[in-house]
C-alpha cells in the first residue's frame, strides 16, 4: 500500500482512546465503519506551543497522494 511505498513501513493497526468522529463512526453500536487516522507527529498536542514536524507533513501528503492514485487506478 501507499504507506509502505512512501514511508517504507507497514501501517500500524492500533486502538487508542480519544475524542473524535472516528470513535462514533467506528463503534459497533453506531456506525461500525472502519476508520483510518493518518497525520504527522508533533509535540504539545492540543496545548500551548503545539506543532508538527514539517518533514512528516510532506510524508503524510505523499502517502495521501499515493493512496488516492491507488484507489483511482492512476
PDB file of N, CA and C in Angstrom:
ATOM      1  N   UNK A   1       0.798  -1.180   0.000  1.00  0.00           N
ATOM      2  CA  UNK A   1       0.000   0.000   0.000  1.00  0.00           C
ATOM      3  C   UNK A   1       0.853   1.262   0.000  1.00  0.00           C
ATOM      4  N   UNK A   2       0.177   2.362   0.051  1.00  0.00           N
ATOM      5  CA  UNK A   2       0.832   3.670  -0.041  1.00  0.00           C
ATOM      6  C   UNK A   2       1.788   3.944   1.111  1.00  0.00           C
ATOM      7  N   UNK A   3       1.425   3.532   2.318  1.00  0.00           N
ATOM      8  CA  UNK A   3       2.305   3.796   3.464  1.00  0.00           C
ATOM      9  C   UNK A   3       3.622   3.057   3.311  1.00  0.00           C
ATOM     10  N   UNK A   4       3.544   1.800   2.922  1.00  0.00           N
ATOM     11  CA  UNK A   4       4.772   1.013   2.732  1.00  0.00           C
ATOM     12  C   UNK A   4       5.586   1.580   1.566  1.00  0.00           C
ATOM     13  N   UNK A   5       4.901   1.979   0.500  1.00  0.00           N
ATOM     14  CA  UNK A   5       5.566   2.525  -0.687  1.00  0.00           C
ATOM     15  C   UNK A   5       6.309   3.825  -0.374  1.00  0.00           C
ATOM     16  N   UNK A   6       5.673   4.723   0.352  1.00  0.00           N
ATOM     17  CA  UNK A   6       6.256   6.042   0.618  1.00  0.00           C
ATOM     18  C   UNK A   6       7.181   6.028   1.825  1.00  0.00           C
ATOM     19  N   UNK A   7       6.707   5.461   2.941  1.00  0.00           N
ATOM     20  CA  UNK A   7       7.458   5.539   4.197  1.00  0.00           C
ATOM     21  C   UNK A   7       8.355   4.332   4.435  1.00  0.00           C
ATOM     22  N   UNK A   8       8.135   3.258   3.676  1.00  0.00           N
ATOM     23  CA  UNK A   8       8.960   2.072   3.844  1.00  0.00           C
ATOM     24  C   UNK A   8       8.591   1.230   5.057  1.00  0.00           C
ATOM     25  N   UNK A   9       7.402   1.460   5.618  1.00  0.00           N
ATOM     26  CA  UNK A   9       6.937   0.680   6.771  1.00  0.00           C
ATOM     27  C   UNK A   9       5.476   0.293   6.560  1.00  0.00           C
ATOM     28  N   UNK A  10       5.080  -0.783   7.221  1.00  0.00           N
ATOM     29  CA  UNK A  10       3.684  -1.199   7.153  1.00  0.00           C
ATOM     30  C   UNK A  10       2.837  -0.298   8.042  1.00  0.00           C
ATOM     31  N   UNK A  11       1.593  -0.046   7.655  1.00  0.00           N
ATOM     32  CA  UNK A  11       0.714   0.733   8.527  1.00  0.00           C
ATOM     33  C   UNK A  11       0.519   0.000   9.846  1.00  0.00           C
ATOM     34  N   UNK A  12       0.343   0.750  10.901  1.00  0.00           N
ATOM     35  CA  UNK A  12       0.153   0.171  12.230  1.00  0.00           C
ATOM     36  C   UNK A  12      -1.336   0.137  12.553  1.00  0.00           C
ATOM     37  N   UNK A  13      -1.801  -1.013  12.992  1.00  0.00           N
ATOM     38  CA  UNK A  13      -3.178  -1.140  13.443  1.00  0.00           C
ATOM     39  C   UNK A  13      -3.177  -1.032  14.955  1.00  0.00           C
ATOM     40  N   UNK A  14      -3.935  -0.090  15.477  1.00  0.00           N
ATOM     41  CA  UNK A  14      -3.932   0.130  16.922  1.00  0.00           C
ATOM     42  C   UNK A  14      -5.255   0.735  17.355  1.00  0.00           C
ATOM     43  N   UNK A  15      -5.478   0.718  18.645  1.00  0.00           N
ATOM     44  CA  UNK A  15      -6.639   1.365  19.239  1.00  0.00           C
ATOM     45  C   UNK A  15      -6.151   2.332  20.295  1.00  0.00           C
ATOM     46  N   UNK A  16      -6.757   3.487  20.359  1.00  0.00           N
ATOM     47  CA  UNK A  16      -6.447   4.407  21.445  1.00  0.00           C
ATOM     48  C   UNK A  16      -7.692   5.204  21.785  1.00  0.00           C
ATOM     49  N   UNK A  17      -7.789   5.586  23.040  1.00  0.00           N
ATOM     50  CA  UNK A  17      -8.929   6.372  23.495  1.00  0.00           C
ATOM     51  C   UNK A  17      -8.674   7.839  23.189  1.00  0.00           C
ATOM     52  N   UNK A  18      -9.639   8.464  22.563  1.00  0.00           N
ATOM     53  CA  UNK A  18      -9.515   9.868  22.214  1.00  0.00           C
ATOM     54  C   UNK A  18     -10.905  10.399  21.884  1.00  0.00           C
ATOM     55  N   UNK A  19     -10.980  11.668  21.615  1.00  0.00           N
ATOM     56  CA  UNK A  19     -12.240  12.283  21.229  1.00  0.00           C
ATOM     57  C   UNK A  19     -12.178  12.590  19.739  1.00  0.00           C
ATOM     58  N   UNK A  20     -13.151  12.134  18.999  1.00  0.00           N
ATOM     59  CA  UNK A  20     -13.184  12.417  17.571  1.00  0.00           C
ATOM     60  C   UNK A  20     -14.309  11.653  16.903  1.00  0.00           C
ATOM     61  N   UNK A  21     -14.614  12.035  15.683  1.00  0.00           N
ATOM     62  CA  UNK A  21     -15.673  11.369  14.925  1.00  0.00           C
ATOM     63  C   UNK A  21     -15.402   9.884  14.754  1.00  0.00           C
ATOM     64  N   UNK A  22     -14.121   9.503  14.691  1.00  0.00           N
ATOM     65  CA  UNK A  22     -13.773   8.105  14.477  1.00  0.00           C
ATOM     66  C   UNK A  22     -14.287   7.227  15.614  1.00  0.00           C
ATOM     67  N   UNK A  23     -14.388   7.751  16.825  1.00  0.00           N
ATOM     68  CA  UNK A  23     -14.939   6.967  17.934  1.00  0.00           C
ATOM     69  C   UNK A  23     -16.414   6.665  17.709  1.00  0.00           C
ATOM     70  N   UNK A  24     -17.146   7.619  17.185  1.00  0.00           N
ATOM     71  CA  UNK A  24     -18.568   7.419  16.900  1.00  0.00           C
ATOM     72  C   UNK A  24     -18.747   6.497  15.695  1.00  0.00           C
ATOM     73  N   UNK A  25     -18.040   6.788  14.615  1.00  0.00           N
ATOM     74  CA  UNK A  25     -18.211   6.031  13.374  1.00  0.00           C
ATOM     75  C   UNK A  25     -17.741   4.588  13.491  1.00  0.00           C
ATOM     76  N   UNK A  26     -16.697   4.352  14.269  1.00  0.00           N
ATOM     77  CA  UNK A  26     -16.152   3.010  14.397  1.00  0.00           C
ATOM     78  C   UNK A  26     -16.841   2.148  15.432  1.00  0.00           C
ATOM     79  N   UNK A  27     -17.660   2.731  16.283  1.00  0.00           N
ATOM     80  CA  UNK A  27     -18.344   1.993  17.341  1.00  0.00           C
ATOM     81  C   UNK A  27     -19.325   0.997  16.724  1.00  0.00           C
ATOM     82  N   UNK A  28     -19.233  -0.294  17.093  1.00  0.00           N
ATOM     83  CA  UNK A  28     -20.126  -1.307  16.521  1.00  0.00           C
ATOM     84  C   UNK A  28     -21.607  -1.020  16.749  1.00  0.00           C
ATOM     85  N   UNK A  29     -21.946  -0.290  17.809  1.00  0.00           N
ATOM     86  CA  UNK A  29     -23.344   0.028  18.084  1.00  0.00           C
ATOM     87  C   UNK A  29     -23.818   1.276  17.345  1.00  0.00           C
ATOM     88  N   UNK A  30     -22.918   1.939  16.643  1.00  0.00           N
ATOM     89  CA  UNK A  30     -23.286   3.158  15.908  1.00  0.00           C
ATOM     90  C   UNK A  30     -23.030   2.930  14.422  1.00  0.00           C
ATOM     91  N   UNK A  31     -21.925   3.429  13.926  1.00  0.00           N
ATOM     92  CA  UNK A  31     -21.642   3.315  12.502  1.00  0.00           C
ATOM     93  C   UNK A  31     -20.993   2.011  12.106  1.00  0.00           C
ATOM     94  N   UNK A  32     -20.173   1.446  13.001  1.00  0.00           N
ATOM     95  CA  UNK A  32     -19.418   0.215  12.742  1.00  0.00           C
ATOM     96  C   UNK A  32     -18.639   0.296  11.430  1.00  0.00           C
ATOM     97  N   UNK A  33     -18.052   1.468  11.180  1.00  0.00           N
ATOM     98  CA  UNK A  33     -17.287   1.696   9.958  1.00  0.00           C
ATOM     99  C   UNK A  33     -15.792   1.668  10.250  1.00  0.00           C
ATOM    100  N   UNK A  34     -15.025   0.953   9.436  1.00  0.00           N
ATOM    101  CA  UNK A  34     -13.571   1.013   9.607  1.00  0.00           C
ATOM    102  C   UNK A  34     -13.106   2.462   9.463  1.00  0.00           C
ATOM    103  N   UNK A  35     -12.212   2.878  10.313  1.00  0.00           N
ATOM    104  CA  UNK A  35     -11.772   4.266  10.335  1.00  0.00           C
ATOM    105  C   UNK A  35     -10.253   4.325  10.301  1.00  0.00           C
ATOM    106  N   UNK A  36      -9.726   5.239   9.512  1.00  0.00           N
ATOM    107  CA  UNK A  36      -8.281   5.419   9.394  1.00  0.00           C
ATOM    108  C   UNK A  36      -7.915   6.803   9.910  1.00  0.00           C
ATOM    109  N   UNK A  37      -6.885   6.849  10.730  1.00  0.00           N
ATOM    110  CA  UNK A  37      -6.357   8.125  11.209  1.00  0.00           C
ATOM    111  C   UNK A  37      -4.932   8.222  10.685  1.00  0.00           C
ATOM    112  N   UNK A  38      -4.649   9.288   9.989  1.00  0.00           N
ATOM    113  CA  UNK A  38      -3.323   9.478   9.420  1.00  0.00           C
ATOM    114  C   UNK A  38      -2.942  10.935   9.568  1.00  0.00           C
ATOM    115  N   UNK A  39      -1.799  11.180  10.141  1.00  0.00           N
ATOM    116  CA  UNK A  39      -1.357  12.555  10.293  1.00  0.00           C
ATOM    117  C   UNK A  39       0.078  12.620  10.770  1.00  0.00           C
ATOM    118  N   UNK A  40       0.649  13.799  10.721  1.00  0.00           N
ATOM    119  CA  UNK A  40       2.038  13.978  11.139  1.00  0.00           C
ATOM    120  C   UNK A  40       2.173  13.949  12.657  1.00  0.00           C
ATOM    121  N   UNK A  41       3.355  13.598  13.107  1.00  0.00           N
ATOM    122  CA  UNK A  41       3.668  13.601  14.535  1.00  0.00           C
ATOM    123  C   UNK A  41       4.104  14.998  14.943  1.00  0.00           C
ATOM    124  N   UNK A  42       4.031  15.276  16.206  1.00  0.00           N
ATOM    125  CA  UNK A  42       4.440  16.579  16.723  1.00  0.00           C
ATOM    126  C   UNK A  42       4.549  16.540  18.229  1.00  0.00           C
ATOM    127  N   UNK A  43       4.491  17.696  18.824  1.00  0.00           N
ATOM    128  CA  UNK A  43       4.615  17.811  20.282  1.00  0.00           C
ATOM    129  C   UNK A  43       3.559  18.780  20.802  1.00  0.00           C
ATOM    130  N   UNK A  44       3.298  18.707  22.093  1.00  0.00           N
ATOM    131  CA  UNK A  44       2.374  19.611  22.795  1.00  0.00           C
ATOM    132  C   UNK A  44       0.987  19.613  22.160  1.00  0.00           C
ATOM    133  N   UNK A  45       0.529  18.441  21.764  1.00  0.00           N
ATOM    134  CA  UNK A  45      -0.743  18.332  21.063  1.00  0.00           C
ATOM    135  C   UNK A  45      -1.880  18.909  21.909  1.00  0.00           C
ATOM    136  N   UNK A  46      -2.682  19.748  21.295  1.00  0.00           N
ATOM    137  CA  UNK A  46      -3.836  20.411  21.916  1.00  0.00           C
ATOM    138  C   UNK A  46      -3.450  21.247  23.132  1.00  0.00           C
ATOM    139  N   UNK A  47      -2.278  21.859  23.077  1.00  0.00           N
ATOM    140  CA  UNK A  47      -1.849  22.737  24.173  1.00  0.00           C
ATOM    141  C   UNK A  47      -0.973  23.851  23.608  1.00  0.00           C
ATOM    142  N   UNK A  48      -0.546  24.743  24.484  1.00  0.00           N
ATOM    143  CA  UNK A  48       0.294  25.866  24.051  1.00  0.00           C
ATOM    144  C   UNK A  48       1.563  25.342  23.388  1.00  0.00           C
ATOM    145  N   UNK A  49       1.938  25.960  22.307  1.00  0.00           N
ATOM    146  CA  UNK A  49       3.163  25.569  21.610  1.00  0.00           C
ATOM    147  C   UNK A  49       3.011  24.317  20.764  1.00  0.00           C
ATOM    148  N   UNK A  50       1.774  23.947  20.441  1.00  0.00           N
ATOM    149  CA  UNK A  50       1.544  22.761  19.617  1.00  0.00           C
ATOM    150  C   UNK A  50       2.220  22.926  18.256  1.00  0.00           C
ATOM    151  N   UNK A  51       2.833  21.842  17.756  1.00  0.00           N
ATOM    152  CA  UNK A  51       3.429  21.885  16.421  1.00  0.00           C
ATOM    153  C   UNK A  51       3.543  20.483  15.856  1.00  0.00           C
ATOM    154  N   UNK A  52       3.709  20.405  14.543  1.00  0.00           N
ATOM    155  CA  UNK A  52       4.002  19.147  13.869  1.00  0.00           C
ATOM    156  C   UNK A  52       5.313  19.306  13.115  1.00  0.00           C
ATOM    157  N   UNK A  53       5.947  18.177  12.844  1.00  0.00           N
ATOM    158  CA  UNK A  53       7.220  18.186  12.130  1.00  0.00           C
ATOM    159  C   UNK A  53       6.970  18.343  10.628  1.00  0.00           C
ATOM    160  N   UNK A  54       7.621  19.322  10.023  1.00  0.00           N
ATOM    161  CA  UNK A  54       7.415  19.642   8.612  1.00  0.00           C
ATOM    162  C   UNK A  54       7.684  18.449   7.706  1.00  0.00           C
ATOM    163  N   UNK A  55       8.743  17.699   7.976  1.00  0.00           N
ATOM    164  CA  UNK A  55       9.054  16.556   7.117  1.00  0.00           C
ATOM    165  C   UNK A  55       7.948  15.505   7.173  1.00  0.00           C
ATOM    166  N   UNK A  56       7.269  15.402   8.299  1.00  0.00           N
ATOM    167  CA  UNK A  56       6.167  14.454   8.394  1.00  0.00           C
ATOM    168  C   UNK A  56       4.929  14.956   7.660  1.00  0.00           C
ATOM    169  N   UNK A  57       4.725  16.265   7.608  1.00  0.00           N
ATOM    170  CA  UNK A  57       3.618  16.823   6.822  1.00  0.00           C
ATOM    171  C   UNK A  57       3.820  16.456   5.353  1.00  0.00           C
ATOM    172  N   UNK A  58       5.041  16.585   4.880  1.00  0.00           N
ATOM    173  CA  UNK A  58       5.362  16.236   3.493  1.00  0.00           C
ATOM    174  C   UNK A  58       5.130  14.744   3.265  1.00  0.00           C
ATOM    175  N   UNK A  59       5.608  13.900   4.180  1.00  0.00           N
ATOM    176  CA  UNK A  59       5.452  12.451   4.025  1.00  0.00           C
ATOM    177  C   UNK A  59       3.978  12.038   4.039  1.00  0.00           C
ATOM    178  N   UNK A  60       3.195  12.597   4.950  1.00  0.00           N
ATOM    179  CA  UNK A  60       1.766  12.276   5.005  1.00  0.00           C
ATOM    180  C   UNK A  60       1.081  12.699   3.706  1.00  0.00           C
ATOM    181  N   UNK A  61       1.451  13.851   3.173  1.00  0.00           N
ATOM    182  CA  UNK A  61       0.890  14.305   1.897  1.00  0.00           C
ATOM    183  C   UNK A  61       1.225  13.319   0.787  1.00  0.00           C
ATOM    184  N   UNK A  62       2.455  12.846   0.759  1.00  0.00           N
ATOM    185  CA  UNK A  62       2.862  11.869  -0.259  1.00  0.00           C
ATOM    186  C   UNK A  62       2.090  10.558  -0.105  1.00  0.00           C
ATOM    187  N   UNK A  63       1.848  10.130   1.134  1.00  0.00           N
ATOM    188  CA  UNK A  63       1.074   8.910   1.374  1.00  0.00           C
ATOM    189  C   UNK A  63      -0.361   9.094   0.884  1.00  0.00           C
ATOM    190  N   UNK A  64      -0.961  10.238   1.186  1.00  0.00           N
ATOM    191  CA  UNK A  64      -2.336  10.501   0.740  1.00  0.00           C
ATOM    192  C   UNK A  64      -2.437  10.532  -0.781  1.00  0.00           C
ATOM    193  N   UNK A  65      -1.479  11.158  -1.441  1.00  0.00           N
ATOM    194  CA  UNK A  65      -1.478  11.222  -2.909  1.00  0.00           C
ATOM    195  C   UNK A  65      -1.318   9.822  -3.498  1.00  0.00           C
ATOM    196  N   UNK A  66      -0.381   9.036  -2.971  1.00  0.00           N
ATOM    197  CA  UNK A  66      -0.166   7.675  -3.470  1.00  0.00           C
ATOM    198  C   UNK A  66      -1.394   6.802  -3.219  1.00  0.00           C
ATOM    199  N   UNK A  67      -2.014   6.955  -2.055  1.00  0.00           N
ATOM    200  CA  UNK A  67      -3.219   6.186  -1.747  1.00  0.00           C
ATOM    201  C   UNK A  67      -4.374   6.547  -2.660  1.00  0.00           C
ATOM    202  N   UNK A  68      -4.558   7.828  -2.923  1.00  0.00           N
ATOM    203  CA  UNK A  68      -5.615   8.269  -3.836  1.00  0.00           C
ATOM    204  C   UNK A  68      -5.364   7.737  -5.241  1.00  0.00           C
ATOM    205  N   UNK A  69      -4.111   7.773  -5.677  1.00  0.00           N
ATOM    206  CA  UNK A  69      -3.768   7.251  -7.004  1.00  0.00           C
ATOM    207  C   UNK A  69      -4.080   5.758  -7.086  1.00  0.00           C
ATOM    208  N   UNK A  70      -3.779   5.009  -6.015  1.00  0.00           N
ATOM    209  CA  UNK A  70      -4.100   3.578  -5.985  1.00  0.00           C
ATOM    210  C   UNK A  70      -5.610   3.361  -6.088  1.00  0.00           C
ATOM    211  N   UNK A  71      -6.375   4.126  -5.312  1.00  0.00           N
ATOM    212  CA  UNK A  71      -7.832   3.976  -5.315  1.00  0.00           C
ATOM    213  C   UNK A  71      -8.450   4.326  -6.662  1.00  0.00           C
ATOM    214  N   UNK A  72      -7.870   5.317  -7.327  1.00  0.00           N
ATOM    215  CA  UNK A  72      -8.410   5.773  -8.606  1.00  0.00           C
ATOM    216  C   UNK A  72      -7.835   5.028  -9.798  1.00  0.00           C
ATOM    217  N   UNK A  73      -6.882   4.124  -9.522  1.00  0.00           N
ATOM    218  CA  UNK A  73      -6.290   3.346 -10.592  1.00  0.00           C
ATOM    219  C   UNK A  73      -5.338   4.127 -11.467  1.00  0.00           C
ATOM    220  N   UNK A  74      -4.772   5.196 -10.924  1.00  0.00           N
ATOM    221  CA  UNK A  74      -3.855   6.037 -11.702  1.00  0.00           C
ATOM    222  C   UNK A  74      -2.464   5.441 -11.742  1.00  0.00           C
TER     223      UNK A  74
END
